[in-house]
N, C-alpha and C. Protein backbone atom coordinates (compact mmCIF):
# COMPACT_ATOMS: atom_id res chain seq x y z
N MET A 1 -2.22 -142.16 61.67
CA MET A 1 -0.94 -142.67 61.23
C MET A 1 0.19 -141.73 61.66
N ILE A 2 0.03 -140.43 61.45
CA ILE A 2 1.06 -139.47 61.84
C ILE A 2 1.21 -139.45 63.35
N ARG A 3 0.08 -139.51 64.06
CA ARG A 3 0.11 -139.49 65.53
C ARG A 3 0.88 -140.71 66.05
N CYS A 4 0.66 -141.89 65.40
CA CYS A 4 1.36 -143.12 65.79
C CYS A 4 2.86 -142.97 65.52
N ALA A 5 3.24 -142.42 64.37
CA ALA A 5 4.65 -142.23 64.04
C ALA A 5 5.32 -141.29 65.03
N LEU A 6 4.62 -140.22 65.41
CA LEU A 6 5.19 -139.29 66.38
C LEU A 6 5.34 -139.96 67.74
N ALA A 7 4.34 -140.75 68.14
CA ALA A 7 4.42 -141.44 69.42
C ALA A 7 5.60 -142.40 69.43
N CYS A 8 5.82 -143.11 68.31
CA CYS A 8 6.96 -144.04 68.21
C CYS A 8 8.27 -143.26 68.28
N ALA A 9 8.34 -142.14 67.58
CA ALA A 9 9.56 -141.32 67.60
C ALA A 9 9.81 -140.79 69.01
N TRP A 10 8.75 -140.37 69.70
CA TRP A 10 8.92 -139.86 71.06
C TRP A 10 9.42 -140.96 71.99
N THR A 11 8.83 -142.16 71.86
CA THR A 11 9.25 -143.28 72.70
C THR A 11 10.71 -143.62 72.42
N LEU A 12 11.08 -143.66 71.14
CA LEU A 12 12.45 -143.96 70.75
C LEU A 12 13.40 -142.90 71.28
N ALA A 13 13.01 -141.65 71.16
CA ALA A 13 13.86 -140.56 71.65
C ALA A 13 14.05 -140.68 73.16
N ALA A 14 13.01 -141.04 73.89
CA ALA A 14 13.13 -141.20 75.34
C ALA A 14 14.07 -142.35 75.67
N ALA A 15 13.98 -143.44 74.91
CA ALA A 15 14.87 -144.58 75.14
C ALA A 15 16.31 -144.21 74.86
N LEU A 16 16.53 -143.46 73.79
CA LEU A 16 17.88 -143.03 73.46
C LEU A 16 18.44 -142.12 74.56
N THR A 17 17.59 -141.27 75.10
CA THR A 17 18.04 -140.37 76.16
C THR A 17 18.41 -141.18 77.40
N ALA A 18 17.59 -142.16 77.73
CA ALA A 18 17.84 -142.96 78.93
C ALA A 18 19.01 -143.92 78.77
N CYS A 19 19.21 -144.45 77.57
CA CYS A 19 20.21 -145.50 77.36
C CYS A 19 21.34 -145.05 76.46
N GLY A 20 21.45 -143.79 76.16
CA GLY A 20 22.46 -143.32 75.22
C GLY A 20 23.86 -143.70 75.65
N SER A 21 24.74 -143.88 74.66
CA SER A 21 26.10 -144.26 74.96
C SER A 21 26.90 -143.02 75.36
N GLU A 22 27.95 -143.25 76.13
CA GLU A 22 28.82 -142.15 76.53
C GLU A 22 29.60 -141.68 75.33
N ARG A 23 29.72 -140.39 75.18
CA ARG A 23 30.47 -139.81 74.08
C ARG A 23 31.93 -139.72 74.50
N GLY A 24 32.80 -140.35 73.71
CA GLY A 24 34.23 -140.31 73.99
C GLY A 24 34.81 -138.98 73.56
N ALA A 25 36.05 -138.72 73.98
CA ALA A 25 36.71 -137.45 73.67
C ALA A 25 36.95 -137.30 72.17
N ASP A 26 37.03 -138.43 71.44
CA ASP A 26 37.30 -138.36 70.01
C ASP A 26 36.03 -138.27 69.17
N GLN A 27 34.86 -138.23 69.79
CA GLN A 27 33.61 -138.16 69.06
C GLN A 27 33.32 -136.72 68.64
N PRO A 28 32.77 -136.54 67.43
CA PRO A 28 32.46 -135.19 66.97
C PRO A 28 31.29 -134.59 67.74
N THR A 29 31.23 -133.30 67.74
CA THR A 29 30.12 -132.58 68.36
C THR A 29 29.62 -131.55 67.37
N ALA A 30 28.31 -131.52 67.15
CA ALA A 30 27.73 -130.49 66.29
C ALA A 30 27.41 -129.30 67.19
N VAL A 31 27.96 -128.16 66.85
CA VAL A 31 27.75 -126.95 67.64
C VAL A 31 26.43 -126.33 67.24
N LEU A 32 25.67 -125.89 68.23
CA LEU A 32 24.40 -125.23 67.95
C LEU A 32 24.67 -123.88 67.30
N PRO A 33 23.85 -123.49 66.31
CA PRO A 33 24.05 -122.19 65.66
C PRO A 33 23.97 -121.05 66.68
N ALA A 34 24.79 -120.03 66.49
CA ALA A 34 24.82 -118.88 67.41
C ALA A 34 23.45 -118.20 67.51
N THR A 35 22.67 -118.27 66.43
CA THR A 35 21.36 -117.62 66.41
C THR A 35 20.26 -118.49 67.01
N TYR A 36 20.58 -119.74 67.39
CA TYR A 36 19.57 -120.64 67.93
C TYR A 36 19.23 -120.24 69.36
N ALA A 37 17.94 -120.03 69.64
CA ALA A 37 17.51 -119.61 70.97
C ALA A 37 16.42 -120.51 71.53
N GLY A 38 16.24 -121.70 70.92
CA GLY A 38 15.17 -122.60 71.36
C GLY A 38 15.60 -123.50 72.50
N PRO A 39 14.77 -124.51 72.78
CA PRO A 39 15.09 -125.47 73.84
C PRO A 39 16.36 -126.26 73.50
N GLU A 40 17.04 -126.74 74.50
CA GLU A 40 18.27 -127.51 74.29
C GLU A 40 17.92 -128.90 73.75
N PRO A 41 18.67 -129.38 72.76
CA PRO A 41 18.43 -130.73 72.24
C PRO A 41 18.67 -131.77 73.34
N ALA A 42 17.77 -132.75 73.42
CA ALA A 42 17.89 -133.79 74.43
C ALA A 42 18.25 -135.14 73.81
N ALA A 43 17.82 -135.38 72.58
CA ALA A 43 18.07 -136.67 71.92
C ALA A 43 17.96 -136.49 70.41
N ILE A 44 18.44 -137.48 69.70
CA ILE A 44 18.32 -137.50 68.24
C ILE A 44 17.70 -138.83 67.86
N VAL A 45 16.63 -138.78 67.08
CA VAL A 45 15.98 -139.98 66.56
C VAL A 45 16.55 -140.21 65.16
N VAL A 46 17.25 -141.33 64.98
CA VAL A 46 17.88 -141.66 63.71
C VAL A 46 17.00 -142.68 62.99
N ALA A 47 16.82 -142.48 61.68
CA ALA A 47 16.04 -143.41 60.87
C ALA A 47 16.76 -143.67 59.56
N PRO A 48 16.79 -144.91 59.11
CA PRO A 48 16.25 -146.09 59.79
C PRO A 48 17.12 -146.46 60.99
N LYS A 49 16.59 -147.27 61.90
CA LYS A 49 17.34 -147.70 63.09
C LYS A 49 18.41 -148.71 62.73
N THR A 50 18.23 -149.42 61.63
CA THR A 50 19.23 -150.36 61.15
C THR A 50 19.12 -150.46 59.63
N ASP A 51 20.25 -150.68 58.99
CA ASP A 51 20.26 -150.88 57.54
C ASP A 51 21.36 -151.87 57.20
N THR A 52 21.11 -152.69 56.18
CA THR A 52 22.08 -153.67 55.72
C THR A 52 22.48 -153.33 54.30
N LEU A 53 23.77 -153.25 54.06
CA LEU A 53 24.32 -153.00 52.73
C LEU A 53 24.85 -154.33 52.20
N PHE A 54 24.50 -154.66 50.95
CA PHE A 54 24.80 -155.98 50.42
C PHE A 54 25.95 -156.02 49.42
N ALA A 55 26.73 -154.95 49.33
CA ALA A 55 27.89 -154.94 48.43
C ALA A 55 28.87 -153.88 48.91
N LEU A 56 30.15 -154.12 48.69
CA LEU A 56 31.14 -153.10 49.00
C LEU A 56 30.93 -151.93 48.05
N GLY A 57 31.00 -150.74 48.56
CA GLY A 57 30.73 -149.54 47.76
C GLY A 57 29.28 -149.12 47.77
N ALA A 58 28.40 -149.98 48.30
CA ALA A 58 26.97 -149.63 48.38
C ALA A 58 26.79 -148.49 49.38
N THR A 59 25.74 -147.71 49.17
CA THR A 59 25.47 -146.58 50.06
C THR A 59 24.05 -146.66 50.62
N ALA A 60 23.86 -145.99 51.75
CA ALA A 60 22.54 -145.87 52.38
C ALA A 60 22.48 -144.49 53.03
N SER A 61 21.30 -143.91 53.01
CA SER A 61 21.11 -142.59 53.61
C SER A 61 20.33 -142.71 54.91
N PHE A 62 20.79 -141.99 55.91
CA PHE A 62 20.13 -141.96 57.21
C PHE A 62 19.66 -140.53 57.47
N GLY A 63 18.60 -140.41 58.22
CA GLY A 63 18.07 -139.10 58.59
C GLY A 63 18.02 -138.97 60.10
N ALA A 64 17.95 -137.75 60.57
CA ALA A 64 17.92 -137.51 62.01
C ALA A 64 16.92 -136.41 62.35
N VAL A 65 16.21 -136.60 63.44
CA VAL A 65 15.32 -135.59 63.99
C VAL A 65 15.81 -135.29 65.40
N VAL A 66 16.18 -134.04 65.62
CA VAL A 66 16.63 -133.60 66.94
C VAL A 66 15.39 -133.23 67.75
N VAL A 67 15.32 -133.75 69.00
CA VAL A 67 14.15 -133.48 69.83
C VAL A 67 14.58 -132.88 71.17
N SER A 68 13.66 -132.13 71.76
CA SER A 68 13.89 -131.51 73.06
C SER A 68 13.52 -132.49 74.18
N GLN A 69 13.70 -132.06 75.40
CA GLN A 69 13.37 -132.90 76.56
C GLN A 69 11.90 -133.31 76.56
N ASP A 70 11.00 -132.43 76.06
CA ASP A 70 9.58 -132.78 76.02
C ASP A 70 9.21 -133.48 74.71
N GLN A 71 10.22 -133.96 73.97
CA GLN A 71 10.07 -134.75 72.75
C GLN A 71 9.51 -133.96 71.57
N THR A 72 9.67 -132.64 71.58
CA THR A 72 9.27 -131.80 70.47
C THR A 72 10.41 -131.75 69.46
N ALA A 73 10.09 -131.93 68.18
CA ALA A 73 11.12 -131.86 67.14
C ALA A 73 11.65 -130.43 67.05
N LEU A 74 12.97 -130.31 66.97
CA LEU A 74 13.63 -129.00 66.88
C LEU A 74 14.20 -128.82 65.48
N ALA A 75 13.82 -127.74 64.82
CA ALA A 75 14.29 -127.49 63.45
C ALA A 75 15.52 -126.58 63.48
N GLY A 76 16.32 -126.68 62.42
CA GLY A 76 17.45 -125.77 62.24
C GLY A 76 18.69 -126.11 63.03
N ILE A 77 18.75 -127.31 63.59
CA ILE A 77 19.94 -127.70 64.36
C ILE A 77 20.76 -128.67 63.51
N PRO A 78 22.02 -128.33 63.24
CA PRO A 78 22.85 -129.22 62.42
C PRO A 78 23.21 -130.49 63.17
N VAL A 79 23.31 -131.58 62.42
CA VAL A 79 23.68 -132.88 62.98
C VAL A 79 25.01 -133.28 62.35
N THR A 80 25.93 -133.79 63.17
CA THR A 80 27.19 -134.32 62.69
C THR A 80 27.17 -135.83 62.87
N TRP A 81 27.62 -136.55 61.82
CA TRP A 81 27.57 -138.01 61.82
C TRP A 81 28.98 -138.58 62.01
N ALA A 82 29.05 -139.78 62.61
CA ALA A 82 30.32 -140.47 62.78
C ALA A 82 30.10 -141.98 62.67
N SER A 83 31.12 -142.68 62.16
CA SER A 83 31.09 -144.13 62.07
C SER A 83 31.78 -144.72 63.27
N GLY A 84 31.12 -145.67 63.91
CA GLY A 84 31.73 -146.40 65.01
C GLY A 84 32.59 -147.55 64.53
N ALA A 85 32.61 -147.80 63.21
CA ALA A 85 33.39 -148.88 62.62
C ALA A 85 33.92 -148.42 61.26
N PRO A 86 34.88 -147.47 61.25
CA PRO A 86 35.35 -146.91 59.99
C PRO A 86 36.00 -147.91 59.03
N ASP A 87 36.44 -149.08 59.55
CA ASP A 87 36.96 -150.12 58.65
C ASP A 87 35.82 -150.73 57.83
N VAL A 88 34.63 -150.78 58.43
CA VAL A 88 33.47 -151.42 57.80
C VAL A 88 32.70 -150.43 56.93
N PHE A 89 32.45 -149.24 57.45
CA PHE A 89 31.72 -148.22 56.69
C PHE A 89 32.16 -146.83 57.11
N THR A 90 32.09 -145.91 56.17
CA THR A 90 32.33 -144.50 56.47
C THR A 90 31.02 -143.76 56.29
N VAL A 91 30.98 -142.54 56.84
CA VAL A 91 29.76 -141.74 56.73
C VAL A 91 30.16 -140.31 56.39
N ASP A 92 29.39 -139.69 55.52
CA ASP A 92 29.58 -138.26 55.24
C ASP A 92 29.12 -137.53 56.49
N ARG A 93 30.01 -136.75 57.09
CA ARG A 93 29.74 -136.12 58.39
C ARG A 93 28.56 -135.16 58.38
N SER A 94 28.21 -134.61 57.22
CA SER A 94 27.10 -133.66 57.21
C SER A 94 25.80 -134.23 56.64
N SER A 95 25.88 -135.23 55.76
CA SER A 95 24.65 -135.72 55.12
C SER A 95 24.09 -137.00 55.73
N GLY A 96 24.92 -137.79 56.42
CA GLY A 96 24.43 -139.06 56.96
C GLY A 96 24.42 -140.18 55.95
N THR A 97 25.11 -140.01 54.80
CA THR A 97 25.19 -141.07 53.80
C THR A 97 26.35 -142.00 54.15
N VAL A 98 26.04 -143.29 54.26
CA VAL A 98 26.99 -144.33 54.65
C VAL A 98 27.48 -145.05 53.40
N THR A 99 28.79 -145.38 53.36
CA THR A 99 29.37 -146.16 52.26
C THR A 99 30.06 -147.39 52.84
N ALA A 100 29.74 -148.59 52.30
CA ALA A 100 30.30 -149.85 52.77
C ALA A 100 31.72 -150.05 52.24
N HIS A 101 32.64 -150.54 53.13
CA HIS A 101 34.02 -150.80 52.73
C HIS A 101 34.47 -152.22 53.01
N ALA A 102 33.87 -152.91 53.97
CA ALA A 102 34.24 -154.29 54.31
C ALA A 102 33.07 -154.94 55.02
N GLU A 103 33.08 -156.27 55.03
CA GLU A 103 32.01 -156.97 55.75
C GLU A 103 32.15 -156.73 57.25
N GLY A 104 31.02 -156.64 57.92
CA GLY A 104 31.01 -156.44 59.36
C GLY A 104 29.82 -155.60 59.77
N SER A 105 29.89 -155.06 60.96
CA SER A 105 28.80 -154.23 61.46
C SER A 105 29.37 -153.18 62.40
N GLY A 106 28.56 -152.17 62.66
CA GLY A 106 28.99 -151.10 63.56
C GLY A 106 27.85 -150.16 63.85
N VAL A 107 28.15 -149.18 64.68
CA VAL A 107 27.16 -148.20 65.09
C VAL A 107 27.40 -146.89 64.34
N LEU A 108 26.33 -146.36 63.78
CA LEU A 108 26.35 -145.03 63.17
C LEU A 108 25.87 -144.07 64.24
N GLN A 109 26.63 -143.00 64.46
CA GLN A 109 26.31 -142.06 65.53
C GLN A 109 25.96 -140.69 64.96
N ALA A 110 25.00 -140.02 65.59
CA ALA A 110 24.60 -138.67 65.22
C ALA A 110 24.72 -137.79 66.45
N PHE A 111 25.27 -136.58 66.27
CA PHE A 111 25.48 -135.66 67.39
C PHE A 111 24.93 -134.27 67.03
N ALA A 112 24.31 -133.61 68.01
CA ALA A 112 23.84 -132.23 67.86
C ALA A 112 23.90 -131.59 69.24
N GLY A 113 24.85 -130.69 69.42
CA GLY A 113 25.02 -130.11 70.74
C GLY A 113 25.25 -131.21 71.74
N PRO A 114 24.52 -131.24 72.86
CA PRO A 114 24.71 -132.27 73.87
C PRO A 114 23.97 -133.58 73.56
N ALA A 115 23.16 -133.59 72.51
CA ALA A 115 22.33 -134.75 72.19
C ALA A 115 23.04 -135.71 71.24
N SER A 116 22.63 -136.98 71.31
CA SER A 116 23.16 -137.98 70.38
C SER A 116 22.10 -139.03 70.09
N GLY A 117 22.33 -139.78 69.03
CA GLY A 117 21.46 -140.88 68.65
C GLY A 117 22.29 -141.85 67.84
N GLU A 118 21.75 -143.04 67.60
CA GLU A 118 22.52 -144.01 66.85
C GLU A 118 21.63 -144.97 66.08
N ALA A 119 22.29 -145.66 65.13
CA ALA A 119 21.64 -146.68 64.31
C ALA A 119 22.68 -147.76 64.05
N ALA A 120 22.22 -148.94 63.66
CA ALA A 120 23.12 -150.05 63.35
C ALA A 120 23.30 -150.16 61.84
N VAL A 121 24.54 -150.44 61.42
CA VAL A 121 24.85 -150.65 60.01
C VAL A 121 25.52 -152.02 59.88
N VAL A 122 25.02 -152.83 58.95
CA VAL A 122 25.58 -154.16 58.68
C VAL A 122 25.98 -154.21 57.21
N VAL A 123 27.18 -154.75 56.95
CA VAL A 123 27.65 -154.92 55.57
C VAL A 123 27.87 -156.40 55.32
N ILE A 124 27.15 -156.93 54.34
CA ILE A 124 27.26 -158.34 53.96
C ILE A 124 27.37 -158.39 52.44
N GLN A 125 28.41 -159.02 51.94
CA GLN A 125 28.53 -159.17 50.49
C GLN A 125 27.68 -160.35 50.03
N VAL A 126 26.92 -160.13 48.99
CA VAL A 126 26.09 -161.17 48.41
C VAL A 126 26.59 -161.39 46.98
N PRO A 127 26.90 -162.63 46.61
CA PRO A 127 27.38 -162.87 45.24
C PRO A 127 26.32 -162.47 44.22
N ALA A 128 26.77 -161.85 43.14
CA ALA A 128 25.85 -161.46 42.07
C ALA A 128 25.54 -162.66 41.18
N ALA A 129 26.50 -163.58 41.05
CA ALA A 129 26.29 -164.75 40.19
C ALA A 129 27.22 -165.88 40.61
N LEU A 130 26.81 -167.10 40.33
CA LEU A 130 27.62 -168.28 40.56
C LEU A 130 27.61 -169.07 39.26
N SER A 131 28.78 -169.40 38.76
CA SER A 131 28.83 -170.17 37.52
C SER A 131 29.74 -171.37 37.71
N LEU A 132 29.51 -172.41 36.91
CA LEU A 132 30.31 -173.62 36.95
C LEU A 132 30.99 -173.81 35.61
N ALA A 133 32.27 -174.13 35.62
CA ALA A 133 33.01 -174.39 34.39
C ALA A 133 33.49 -175.83 34.42
N ALA A 134 33.45 -176.46 33.27
CA ALA A 134 33.91 -177.84 33.15
C ALA A 134 34.70 -177.98 31.86
N PRO A 135 35.74 -178.80 31.88
CA PRO A 135 36.48 -179.03 30.64
C PRO A 135 35.59 -179.76 29.62
N GLU A 136 35.83 -179.49 28.37
CA GLU A 136 35.05 -180.18 27.33
C GLU A 136 35.59 -181.58 27.17
N MET A 137 34.72 -182.56 27.36
CA MET A 137 35.11 -183.96 27.19
C MET A 137 33.87 -184.81 27.08
N ALA A 138 34.03 -185.94 26.47
CA ALA A 138 32.93 -186.89 26.34
C ALA A 138 32.88 -187.75 27.59
N LEU A 139 31.69 -187.96 28.09
CA LEU A 139 31.52 -188.76 29.29
C LEU A 139 30.75 -190.03 28.97
N SER A 140 31.12 -191.06 29.66
CA SER A 140 30.38 -192.33 29.56
C SER A 140 29.70 -192.56 30.90
N VAL A 141 28.76 -193.50 30.94
CA VAL A 141 28.07 -193.82 32.17
C VAL A 141 29.10 -194.25 33.21
N GLY A 142 29.02 -193.63 34.41
CA GLY A 142 29.94 -193.97 35.49
C GLY A 142 31.15 -193.06 35.58
N ASP A 143 31.41 -192.25 34.53
CA ASP A 143 32.54 -191.32 34.58
C ASP A 143 32.21 -190.16 35.54
N THR A 144 33.25 -189.54 36.03
CA THR A 144 33.07 -188.35 36.86
C THR A 144 33.71 -187.16 36.17
N LEU A 145 33.26 -186.02 36.54
CA LEU A 145 33.75 -184.77 35.94
C LEU A 145 33.91 -183.74 37.05
N ARG A 146 35.05 -183.08 37.09
CA ARG A 146 35.29 -182.04 38.09
C ARG A 146 34.79 -180.71 37.53
N LEU A 147 33.95 -180.03 38.33
CA LEU A 147 33.42 -178.74 37.96
C LEU A 147 34.17 -177.68 38.78
N TYR A 148 34.36 -176.50 38.19
CA TYR A 148 35.08 -175.41 38.85
C TYR A 148 34.13 -174.23 39.05
N PRO A 149 33.76 -174.00 40.32
CA PRO A 149 32.84 -172.88 40.59
C PRO A 149 33.55 -171.53 40.53
N SER A 150 32.78 -170.53 40.16
CA SER A 150 33.28 -169.16 40.13
C SER A 150 32.18 -168.24 40.66
N VAL A 151 32.56 -167.41 41.63
CA VAL A 151 31.60 -166.47 42.22
C VAL A 151 31.92 -165.08 41.71
N ALA A 152 30.88 -164.36 41.26
CA ALA A 152 31.08 -163.00 40.77
C ALA A 152 30.29 -162.03 41.61
């Protein structure tokens, strides 16, 4: 099971390296610690790869594993997070916790030195309850009554 998970992470990391998006000038960069002397980060595997938030104000946590060119996990490298759709969701730059602000979708980005990774975030509001209100009145066969829906 662990071997399969690592193989999947390695494959995903290779795909991210090959297909990674270009980092714009306004994108954050996580600086490698001055004491870090290991291999250079090549990619970041973000998990989960996609998450859906079903209410405004809802939160979700994402994690990141920084990997080297040979797909070895690198410890002790800080990751900086960014929202590709700040109108839809924001992210805590150090923890990877996302908060929903509006319906829509966007890309969550993770950066560590020259490496990057991403995940998809979708925000969809789901009604908690639906109720119908009607005026109090006596009805006879064939009468109609207008109902007033309310979504909460």
